[in-house]
Amino acid sequence: MMQRPDENIKLSCLITNYNQISWIGKAVDSILEQDIRYPYEILIGDDGSSDGSLEFLREKYKDKDQVRILVQDRDAGVKQFPNWRHSRLIFRLLDEARGEYVSILDGDDYYCDKNHFQHKIELLSAQKVSDKQPWSVRMVESEMIRCPESWQLDFQPKLKWDYCHGLELQAMLDVYDTYGDKKIFDYALAYADTMIHNDGSIETYKLHEYNIDRLNSGKFLFRIYEQTKDEKYKKAIDLLRSQLDTHPRNEDGGFWHKKVYPNQMWLDGIYMGAPFYAEYAFRNNRVQDYQDIVNQFITVARHTYDPKNGLYRHACDVSRKERWADPVPGQSQHSWGRAMGWYAMAFVDAMDFIPKHEAGRDSMLVILNNIAAQVKRIQDPKTGLWYQVLDK
């Protein structure tokens, strides 16, 4: 369930699509039978059926003021949403929804617990985020409400050692350092404690897969170890760092993005690996690693730079065997906004730990300054935003 700023109707339940009378009827009835002690509405979307369910709905629920049918017939949905129809329909339903809270249900599903919505509304109402807090605190608290267990971040249904968790928890620890609410630190600690065993092994992490994405979550462990002094976190950090000792590389020293992506360097892979590598070198006085770290940034720039527009392509396959690789430079076909963002943040995060006198650091600054200039140049002047495909 999501929260919306409308106090007149407490709940909007969106039924996004349906294809049989028996299922859609069961879905609607399961909502109407709920013990909801607040005003609510049911919005029914796309008719994907061929058995006359639209007529059935109109007749059965004609006296139910809570029920609103938005798509008039099967063909109307096709004409109105010719591409990505289902996704656009969800956005339309969200625009139409008037409730303070929104729940989304597929037309083939239904609710069994008659107290489901009442319980959810009471829970969310008790956990509202204060609008008096700074926006960063509100964002953290919203995520903690949405995902009560920190391993659930990024909509995970089960335990997973993943870069998204490290990304969010690192940011949350920044908020904790600024505002000092211990529940934020405890939330981050809970993920580390859940995922890391006493011997330093990490749940679901497999070194032999050589997936550079897995290293990103090592960054927040530095702070967890620093605060707790629990040796299992130091062992886990060392385990992640050991991956780089045998991680596959190209002849020029660039790390492969993953073992299953041979010879490929991706801009996002630099973010996933290089800042962790740099911080480990800094904290453990491994000055011999700095040149290798610098080389990752410069090498991927050389492989992905597009001189026609000053941007960097998403990836490169130096073997030129991948189906998307240009036969001459081996680059992917386009410059991807998200990848450029990963790459830029990798510079920002890593350079804090690379000594200013280190050879090649000045070249890193040249690349970073070019990214900043190009991103500013291609920014949409009306919205201030960017297209995901930056070079089209």
Protein backbone atom coordinates (compact mmCIF):
# COMPACT_ATOMS: atom_id res chain seq x y z
CA MET A 1 0.00 0.00 0.00
CA MET A 2 1.16 3.52 -0.82
CA GLN A 3 0.29 6.77 0.89
CA ARG A 4 -1.38 9.69 -0.89
CA PRO A 5 -2.26 13.20 0.36
CA ASP A 6 -6.07 13.05 0.26
CA GLU A 7 -8.13 12.86 3.45
CA ASN A 8 -11.62 12.53 1.90
CA ILE A 9 -11.30 8.89 0.88
CA LYS A 10 -9.07 6.75 3.04
CA LEU A 11 -8.35 3.92 0.59
CA SER A 12 -8.29 3.45 -3.18
CA CYS A 13 -8.03 -0.18 -4.26
CA LEU A 14 -6.94 -0.45 -7.90
CA ILE A 15 -7.73 -3.59 -9.89
CA THR A 16 -5.35 -3.26 -12.81
CA ASN A 17 -6.57 -5.88 -15.27
CA TYR A 18 -8.78 -8.93 -15.53
CA ASN A 19 -9.75 -11.62 -18.02
CA GLN A 20 -12.55 -13.80 -16.59
CA ILE A 21 -15.90 -13.12 -14.91
CA SER A 22 -15.27 -15.58 -12.09
CA TRP A 23 -11.94 -14.00 -11.14
CA ILE A 24 -12.86 -10.35 -11.38
CA GLY A 25 -16.04 -10.93 -9.40
CA LYS A 26 -14.10 -12.70 -6.69
CA ALA A 27 -11.54 -9.90 -6.58
CA VAL A 28 -14.15 -7.14 -6.21
CA ASP A 29 -16.21 -9.09 -3.67
CA SER A 30 -13.12 -9.77 -1.56
CA ILE A 31 -12.73 -6.01 -1.18
CA LEU A 32 -16.38 -5.25 -0.59
CA GLU A 33 -16.44 -7.91 2.15
CA GLN A 34 -13.56 -6.26 3.97
CA ASP A 35 -14.15 -4.77 7.40
CA ILE A 36 -13.05 -1.25 6.44
CA ARG A 37 -14.21 1.44 8.81
CA TYR A 38 -13.23 4.29 6.50
CA PRO A 39 -14.52 5.64 3.17
CA TYR A 40 -12.96 3.74 0.27
CA GLU A 41 -13.26 3.22 -3.48
CA ILE A 42 -12.57 0.42 -5.97
CA LEU A 43 -11.18 1.41 -9.38
CA ILE A 44 -11.37 -1.26 -12.08
CA GLY A 45 -9.10 -0.93 -15.08
CA ASP A 46 -8.35 -2.86 -18.23
CA ASP A 47 -10.89 -5.37 -19.59
CA GLY A 48 -8.79 -8.14 -21.11
CA SER A 49 -11.66 -10.63 -21.15
CA SER A 50 -13.64 -12.28 -23.91
CA ASP A 51 -16.56 -13.56 -21.80
CA GLY A 52 -18.61 -10.41 -21.29
CA SER A 53 -17.17 -9.55 -17.90
CA LEU A 54 -17.53 -5.81 -18.48
CA GLU A 55 -21.31 -6.15 -18.79
CA PHE A 56 -21.30 -8.44 -15.77
CA LEU A 57 -19.45 -5.85 -13.70
CA ARG A 58 -21.74 -3.03 -14.75
CA GLU A 59 -24.82 -5.00 -13.79
CA LYS A 60 -23.59 -6.60 -10.59
CA TYR A 61 -22.09 -3.46 -9.05
CA LYS A 62 -24.41 -0.79 -10.48
CA ASP A 63 -25.65 0.03 -6.96
CA LYS A 64 -22.20 0.09 -5.39
CA ASP A 65 -21.03 3.68 -5.27
CA GLN A 66 -17.55 2.57 -4.25
CA VAL A 67 -16.97 0.79 -7.59
CA ARG A 68 -15.69 2.84 -10.55
CA ILE A 69 -15.07 1.23 -13.96
CA LEU A 70 -12.62 3.33 -15.96
CA VAL A 71 -12.04 1.40 -19.19
CA GLN A 72 -15.31 1.12 -21.12
CA ASP A 73 -14.66 -1.98 -23.20
CA ARG A 74 -11.94 -4.31 -24.33
CA ASP A 75 -11.10 -2.45 -27.56
CA ALA A 76 -10.99 0.90 -25.76
CA GLY A 77 -8.06 -0.35 -23.71
CA VAL A 78 -6.24 -1.46 -26.83
CA LYS A 79 -6.79 1.84 -28.62
CA GLN A 80 -5.92 4.02 -25.67
CA PHE A 81 -2.81 2.10 -24.60
CA PRO A 82 -1.27 0.59 -27.77
CA ASN A 83 2.20 0.33 -26.23
CA TRP A 84 3.02 -0.78 -22.70
CA ARG A 85 -0.75 -0.72 -22.11
CA HIS A 86 -0.65 -2.31 -18.69
CA SER A 87 2.00 0.08 -17.33
CA ARG A 88 0.20 3.13 -18.65
CA LEU A 89 -3.07 1.88 -17.23
CA ILE A 90 -1.56 1.68 -13.76
CA PHE A 91 -0.45 5.29 -14.03
CA ARG A 92 -3.92 6.30 -15.19
CA LEU A 93 -5.51 4.50 -12.24
CA LEU A 94 -3.08 6.19 -9.88
CA ASP A 95 -4.03 9.56 -11.34
CA GLU A 96 -7.71 8.79 -10.80
CA ALA A 97 -7.29 7.43 -7.29
CA ARG A 98 -8.58 9.77 -4.57
CA GLY A 99 -7.61 7.80 -1.48
CA GLU A 100 -5.04 8.71 1.11
CA TYR A 101 -3.73 5.16 0.69
CA VAL A 102 -3.56 3.09 -2.49
CA SER A 103 -3.47 -0.68 -2.89
CA ILE A 104 -2.93 -2.38 -6.26
CA LEU A 105 -4.51 -5.77 -7.05
CA ASP A 106 -4.37 -7.86 -10.20
CA GLY A 107 -7.79 -8.99 -11.37
CA ASP A 108 -6.84 -12.64 -10.95
CA ASP A 109 -6.13 -12.19 -7.24
CA TYR A 110 -8.31 -11.64 -4.19
CA TYR A 111 -8.06 -11.04 -0.45
CA CYS A 112 -8.80 -13.78 2.08
CA ASP A 113 -8.34 -11.88 5.33
CA LYS A 114 -11.36 -9.60 5.90
CA ASN A 115 -9.30 -7.41 8.21
CA HIS A 116 -6.46 -6.95 5.73
CA PHE A 117 -7.12 -3.32 4.82
CA GLN A 118 -8.22 -2.15 8.24
CA HIS A 119 -5.05 -3.56 9.75
CA LYS A 120 -2.86 -1.96 7.04
CA ILE A 121 -4.54 1.43 7.38
CA GLU A 122 -4.15 1.45 11.14
CA LEU A 123 -0.53 0.37 10.85
CA LEU A 124 0.35 3.04 8.28
CA SER A 125 -1.59 5.74 10.09
CA ALA A 126 0.43 5.02 13.23
CA GLN A 127 3.67 5.18 11.26
CA LYS A 128 3.21 8.42 9.37
CA VAL A 129 6.39 10.30 8.67
CA SER A 130 6.49 13.76 10.20
CA ASP A 131 6.51 16.60 7.70
CA LYS A 132 8.61 18.57 10.19
CA GLN A 133 11.66 16.40 9.54
CA PRO A 134 14.33 17.12 6.91
CA TRP A 135 13.62 15.44 3.57
CA SER A 136 16.51 13.01 3.98
CA VAL A 137 15.08 11.79 7.30
CA ARG A 138 11.62 11.47 5.78
CA MET A 139 12.99 9.35 2.97
CA VAL A 140 14.79 7.04 5.39
CA GLU A 141 11.76 6.67 7.63
CA SER A 142 9.51 6.03 4.62
CA GLU A 143 11.77 3.19 3.50
CA MET A 144 11.88 1.75 7.00
CA ILE A 145 8.08 1.72 7.11
CA ARG A 146 7.84 0.25 3.62
CA CYS A 147 10.46 -2.41 4.40
CA PRO A 148 10.30 -3.24 8.13
CA GLU A 149 13.27 -5.60 7.76
CA SER A 150 16.31 -4.09 6.06
CA TRP A 151 16.87 -7.23 3.95
CA GLN A 152 13.52 -6.42 2.28
CA LEU A 153 14.91 -3.26 0.65
CA ASP A 154 14.57 -3.07 -3.13
CA PHE A 155 11.43 -5.24 -2.88
CA GLN A 156 13.39 -8.39 -2.09
CA PRO A 157 11.20 -11.37 -1.08
CA LYS A 158 14.12 -13.30 0.43
CA LEU A 159 17.67 -12.81 1.68
CA LYS A 160 20.10 -11.53 -0.92
CA TRP A 161 23.54 -9.92 -0.76
CA ASP A 162 22.96 -7.20 -3.30
CA TYR A 163 24.35 -3.82 -4.33
CA CYS A 164 21.00 -2.07 -3.78
CA HIS A 165 21.09 -2.80 -0.06
CA GLY A 166 24.56 -1.38 0.28
CA LEU A 167 23.61 1.68 -1.74
CA GLU A 168 20.61 2.51 0.43
CA LEU A 169 22.15 1.61 3.76
CA GLN A 170 25.25 3.66 3.04
CA ALA A 171 23.01 6.66 2.36
CA MET A 172 21.01 5.95 5.50
CA LEU A 173 24.19 5.92 7.55
CA ASP A 174 24.98 9.36 6.14
CA VAL A 175 21.64 10.53 7.51
CA TYR A 176 22.43 8.84 10.82
CA ASP A 177 25.79 10.61 11.01
CA THR A 178 24.04 13.94 10.41
CA TYR A 179 20.98 13.60 12.65
CA GLY A 180 21.97 10.84 15.07
CA ASP A 181 18.79 8.75 15.30
CA LYS A 182 20.06 5.36 16.51
CA LYS A 183 17.16 3.46 14.95
CA ILE A 184 18.69 4.27 11.55
CA PHE A 185 22.02 2.75 12.51
CA ASP A 186 20.25 -0.27 14.01
CA TYR A 187 18.35 -0.74 10.74
CA ALA A 188 21.61 -0.86 8.78
CA LEU A 189 23.24 -3.08 11.39
CA ALA A 190 20.35 -5.55 11.15
CA TYR A 191 21.11 -6.24 7.48
CA ALA A 192 24.79 -6.79 8.20
CA ASP A 193 24.03 -9.02 11.18
CA THR A 194 21.47 -11.05 9.22
CA MET A 195 23.68 -11.58 6.18
CA ILE A 196 27.11 -12.15 7.74
CA HIS A 197 27.98 -15.27 9.69
CA ASN A 198 30.44 -15.41 12.59
CA ASP A 199 33.23 -16.72 10.33
CA GLY A 200 32.81 -13.74 7.97
CA SER A 201 31.05 -15.70 5.23
CA ILE A 202 28.14 -13.88 3.62
CA GLU A 203 24.70 -15.31 2.96
CA THR A 204 24.08 -15.87 -0.81
CA TYR A 205 27.50 -14.39 -1.76
CA LYS A 206 29.56 -16.63 -4.07
CA LEU A 207 33.07 -15.39 -4.77
CA HIS A 208 33.50 -17.78 -7.69
CA GLU A 209 30.75 -15.99 -9.62
CA TYR A 210 33.06 -12.95 -9.87
CA ASN A 211 30.18 -10.48 -9.96
CA ILE A 212 31.57 -7.02 -9.30
CA ASP A 213 28.10 -5.79 -8.24
CA ARG A 214 28.49 -7.78 -5.02
CA LEU A 215 31.34 -5.59 -3.81
CA ASN A 216 29.30 -2.42 -3.46
CA SER A 217 27.67 -3.49 -0.20
CA GLY A 218 31.11 -3.88 1.31
CA LYS A 219 31.33 -0.10 1.64
CA PHE A 220 28.77 0.24 4.40
CA LEU A 221 30.49 -2.58 6.30
CA PHE A 222 33.49 -0.34 6.94
CA ARG A 223 31.25 1.86 9.07
CA ILE A 224 29.49 -1.06 10.73
CA TYR A 225 32.84 -2.55 11.76
CA GLU A 226 34.12 0.84 12.88
CA GLN A 227 31.15 1.28 15.21
CA THR A 228 30.74 -2.28 16.50
CA LYS A 229 34.31 -3.67 16.42
CA ASP A 230 32.75 -7.06 15.67
CA GLU A 231 35.43 -9.07 13.87
CA LYS A 232 32.95 -10.91 11.68
CA TYR A 233 32.46 -7.69 9.72
CA LYS A 234 36.19 -7.25 9.20
CA LYS A 235 36.37 -10.83 7.95
CA ALA A 236 33.52 -10.17 5.53
CA ILE A 237 35.25 -7.04 4.23
CA ASP A 238 38.45 -9.01 3.70
CA LEU A 239 36.50 -11.73 1.92
CA LEU A 240 35.01 -9.23 -0.52
CA ARG A 241 38.39 -7.62 -1.11
CA SER A 242 39.91 -11.04 -1.87
CA GLN A 243 37.61 -11.32 -4.88
CA LEU A 244 39.65 -8.63 -6.62
CA ASP A 245 42.83 -10.71 -6.32
CA THR A 246 41.48 -13.29 -8.78
CA HIS A 247 38.67 -11.39 -10.52
CA PRO A 248 38.95 -11.85 -14.33
CA ARG A 249 40.50 -8.96 -16.25
CA ASN A 250 41.14 -7.85 -19.79
CA GLU A 251 44.72 -7.57 -21.01
CA ASP A 252 44.76 -3.86 -20.15
CA GLY A 253 43.85 -4.64 -16.53
CA GLY A 254 40.19 -3.67 -16.64
CA PHE A 255 37.95 -5.86 -14.48
CA TRP A 256 35.23 -7.85 -16.21
CA HIS A 257 31.78 -6.80 -15.05
CA LYS A 258 30.92 -10.42 -14.27
CA LYS A 259 32.35 -13.81 -15.06
CA VAL A 260 29.28 -14.49 -17.19
CA TYR A 261 30.03 -11.28 -19.16
CA PRO A 262 33.58 -12.01 -20.36
CA ASN A 263 35.75 -9.15 -21.63
CA GLN A 264 33.07 -6.56 -20.80
CA MET A 265 33.57 -3.35 -18.82
CA TRP A 266 30.45 -1.42 -17.81
CA LEU A 267 30.36 2.11 -16.42
CA ASP A 268 28.16 0.93 -13.54
CA GLY A 269 30.75 -1.72 -12.74
CA ILE A 270 33.22 1.02 -11.87
CA TYR A 271 30.81 2.31 -9.22
CA MET A 272 30.25 -1.19 -7.87
CA GLY A 273 33.90 -2.02 -7.39
CA ALA A 274 36.29 0.92 -7.46
CA PRO A 275 35.08 2.97 -4.43
CA PHE A 276 35.17 -0.15 -2.23
CA TYR A 277 38.63 -0.98 -3.61
CA ALA A 278 39.84 2.57 -2.91
CA GLU A 279 38.48 2.72 0.64
CA TYR A 280 39.97 -0.66 1.47
CA ALA A 281 43.36 0.51 0.18
CA PHE A 282 43.12 3.71 2.24
CA ARG A 283 42.07 2.00 5.46
CA ASN A 284 44.68 -0.75 5.16
CA ASN A 285 47.57 1.37 3.87
CA ARG A 286 47.76 -0.58 0.60
CA VAL A 287 49.38 2.22 -1.40
CA GLN A 288 50.35 -0.30 -4.07
CA ASP A 289 46.67 -0.59 -5.08
CA TYR A 290 46.08 3.03 -6.03
CA GLN A 291 47.46 2.74 -9.56
CA ASP A 292 45.20 -0.21 -10.29
CA ILE A 293 42.19 1.75 -9.03
CA VAL A 294 43.05 4.79 -11.13
CA ASN A 295 43.53 2.50 -14.13
CA GLN A 296 39.95 1.20 -13.86
CA PHE A 297 38.55 4.72 -14.32
CA ILE A 298 40.86 5.68 -17.17
CA THR A 299 40.57 2.36 -18.98
CA VAL A 300 36.77 2.32 -19.06
CA ALA A 301 36.79 5.93 -20.27
CA ARG A 302 39.09 4.98 -23.12
CA HIS A 303 36.87 2.06 -24.08
CA THR A 304 33.52 3.89 -23.87
CA TYR A 305 34.22 7.49 -24.90
CA ASP A 306 32.29 8.77 -27.91
CA PRO A 307 34.21 11.65 -29.55
CA LYS A 308 31.13 12.68 -31.54
CA ASN A 309 29.28 13.95 -28.48
CA GLY A 310 31.69 13.82 -25.54
CA LEU A 311 29.58 11.19 -23.74
CA TYR A 312 30.51 7.71 -22.56
CA ARG A 313 28.72 4.64 -23.85
CA HIS A 314 27.19 2.26 -21.31
CA ALA A 315 29.66 -0.58 -21.88
CA CYS A 316 32.34 -2.10 -24.02
CA ASP A 317 33.20 -5.66 -25.04
CA VAL A 318 36.87 -5.60 -25.94
CA SER A 319 36.53 -8.98 -27.66
CA ARG A 320 33.77 -7.49 -29.88
CA LYS A 321 31.83 -10.77 -29.68
CA GLU A 322 28.73 -9.58 -27.81
CA ARG A 323 25.74 -8.96 -30.10
CA TRP A 324 25.45 -5.32 -29.01
CA ALA A 325 29.15 -4.53 -29.48
CA ASP A 326 30.21 -2.23 -32.30
CA PRO A 327 32.55 -4.24 -34.55
CA VAL A 328 35.31 -1.62 -34.38
CA PRO A 329 35.49 -0.05 -30.87
CA GLY A 330 33.37 -2.77 -29.22
CA GLN A 331 31.11 -0.18 -27.59
CA SER A 332 27.43 -0.61 -26.82
CA GLN A 333 25.09 1.34 -29.05
CA HIS A 334 24.09 4.20 -26.76
CA SER A 335 24.94 6.37 -23.80
CA TRP A 336 22.69 5.43 -20.90
CA GLY A 337 21.81 8.13 -18.37
CA ARG A 338 21.82 5.82 -15.37
CA ALA A 339 25.25 4.43 -16.26
CA MET A 340 26.68 7.93 -16.60
CA GLY A 341 25.31 8.62 -13.13
CA TRP A 342 26.97 5.52 -11.68
CA TYR A 343 30.25 6.48 -13.31
CA ALA A 344 30.16 10.07 -12.03
CA MET A 345 29.38 8.94 -8.47
CA ALA A 346 32.20 6.42 -8.62
CA PHE A 347 34.66 9.29 -9.10
CA VAL A 348 33.16 11.26 -6.23
CA ASP A 349 33.20 8.31 -3.83
CA ALA A 350 36.64 6.96 -4.76
CA MET A 351 38.65 10.16 -4.99
CA ASP A 352 38.20 10.88 -1.28
CA PHE A 353 40.55 7.94 -0.68
CA ILE A 354 43.07 8.42 -3.50
CA PRO A 355 46.02 10.70 -2.50
CA LYS A 356 46.13 13.97 -4.42
CA HIS A 357 49.69 13.30 -5.55
CA GLU A 358 48.86 9.87 -7.03
CA ALA A 359 49.80 9.60 -10.71
CA GLY A 360 46.73 9.59 -12.92
CA ARG A 361 44.45 11.29 -10.41
CA ASP A 362 44.63 14.48 -12.47
CA SER A 363 43.40 12.48 -15.48
CA MET A 364 40.47 11.27 -13.39
CA LEU A 365 39.55 14.88 -12.69
CA VAL A 366 39.65 15.70 -16.42
CA ILE A 367 37.17 12.87 -17.10
CA LEU A 368 34.92 13.87 -14.21
CA ASN A 369 34.88 17.51 -15.31
CA ASN A 370 33.94 16.41 -18.83
CA ILE A 371 31.05 14.32 -17.45
CA ALA A 372 29.79 17.33 -15.49
CA ALA A 373 30.01 19.59 -18.55
CA GLN A 374 28.24 17.13 -20.85
CA VAL A 375 25.49 16.33 -18.36
CA LYS A 376 24.79 20.04 -18.01
CA ARG A 377 24.81 20.49 -21.79
CA ILE A 378 22.21 17.80 -22.49
CA GLN A 379 19.88 18.67 -19.60
CA ASP A 380 16.34 19.33 -20.80
CA PRO A 381 15.83 23.10 -20.38
CA LYS A 382 12.08 22.85 -19.70
CA THR A 383 12.02 20.19 -17.00
CA GLY A 384 15.61 20.20 -15.76
CA LEU A 385 15.63 16.42 -16.26
CA TRP A 386 17.44 14.01 -18.59
CA TYR A 387 16.41 11.33 -21.03
CA GLN A 388 17.59 7.83 -20.14
CA VAL A 389 19.16 7.48 -23.58
CA LEU A 390 21.36 10.56 -23.61
CA ASP A 391 22.57 10.54 -27.21
CA LYS A 392 19.18 10.27 -28.96
